[in-house]
Amino acid sequence: MGIHKMLATRRRSAIMASEKLALRAVRLAVLDAWEQSGN
């Protein structure tokens, strides 16, 4: 039971980390497009 809980927590933290990376990539892409458009 403890192992399952540990795996679930690890999976959740991995998902959160990948979501943070995705958000950062999107933000960088938006800023890049913004600068290229001259604003």
C-alpha atoms as a PDB file:
ATOM      1  CA  MET A   1       0.000   0.000   0.000  1.00  0.00           C
ATOM      2  CA  GLY A   2       2.835   2.376   0.848  1.00  0.00           C
ATOM      3  CA  ILE A   3       4.522   1.574  -2.467  1.00  0.00           C
ATOM      4  CA  HIS A   4       1.367   2.385  -4.438  1.00  0.00           C
ATOM      5  CA  LYS A   5       1.022   5.704  -2.646  1.00  0.00           C
ATOM      6  CA  MET A   6       4.667   6.518  -3.352  1.00  0.00           C
ATOM      7  CA  LEU A   7       4.288   5.674  -7.036  1.00  0.00           C
ATOM      8  CA  ALA A   8       1.136   7.780  -7.310  1.00  0.00           C
ATOM      9  CA  THR A   9       2.886  10.739  -5.693  1.00  0.00           C
ATOM     10  CA  ARG A  10       5.893  10.344  -7.976  1.00  0.00           C
ATOM     11  CA  ARG A  11       3.644  10.133 -11.041  1.00  0.00           C
ATOM     12  CA  ARG A  12       1.723  13.225  -9.932  1.00  0.00           C
ATOM     13  CA  SER A  13       4.914  15.229  -9.391  1.00  0.00           C
ATOM     14  CA  ALA A  14       6.216  14.107 -12.790  1.00  0.00           C
ATOM     15  CA  ILE A  15       2.986  15.286 -14.430  1.00  0.00           C
ATOM     16  CA  MET A  16       3.230  18.614 -12.624  1.00  0.00           C
ATOM     17  CA  ALA A  17       6.845  19.023 -13.729  1.00  0.00           C
ATOM     18  CA  SER A  18       5.993  18.311 -17.375  1.00  0.00           C
ATOM     19  CA  GLU A  19       3.060  20.741 -17.191  1.00  0.00           C
ATOM     20  CA  LYS A  20       5.400  23.437 -15.857  1.00  0.00           C
ATOM     21  CA  LEU A  21       7.822  22.764 -18.720  1.00  0.00           C
ATOM     22  CA  ALA A  22       4.992  22.942 -21.256  1.00  0.00           C
ATOM     23  CA  LEU A  23       3.722  26.226 -19.807  1.00  0.00           C
ATOM     24  CA  ARG A  24       7.239  27.662 -19.876  1.00  0.00           C
ATOM     25  CA  ALA A  25       7.675  26.614 -23.518  1.00  0.00           C
ATOM     26  CA  VAL A  26       4.334  28.177 -24.482  1.00  0.00           C
ATOM     27  CA  ARG A  27       5.204  31.391 -22.642  1.00  0.00           C
ATOM     28  CA  LEU A  28       8.576  31.595 -24.406  1.00  0.00           C
ATOM     29  CA  ALA A  29       6.954  30.993 -27.791  1.00  0.00           C
ATOM     30  CA  VAL A  30       4.365  33.711 -27.151  1.00  0.00           C
ATOM     31  CA  LEU A  31       7.018  36.202 -26.057  1.00  0.00           C
ATOM     32  CA  ASP A  32       9.091  35.335 -29.121  1.00  0.00           C
ATOM     33  CA  ALA A  33       6.150  35.893 -31.482  1.00  0.00           C
ATOM     34  CA  TRP A  34       5.305  39.126 -29.641  1.00  0.00           C
ATOM     35  CA  GLU A  35       8.814  40.507 -30.128  1.00  0.00           C
ATOM     36  CA  GLN A  36       8.892  39.471 -33.795  1.00  0.00           C
ATOM     37  CA  SER A  37       5.583  41.246 -34.471  1.00  0.00           C
ATOM     38  CA  GLY A  38       7.170  44.526 -33.379  1.00  0.00           C
ATOM     39  CA  ASN A  39       5.208  45.119 -30.184  1.00  0.00           C
END
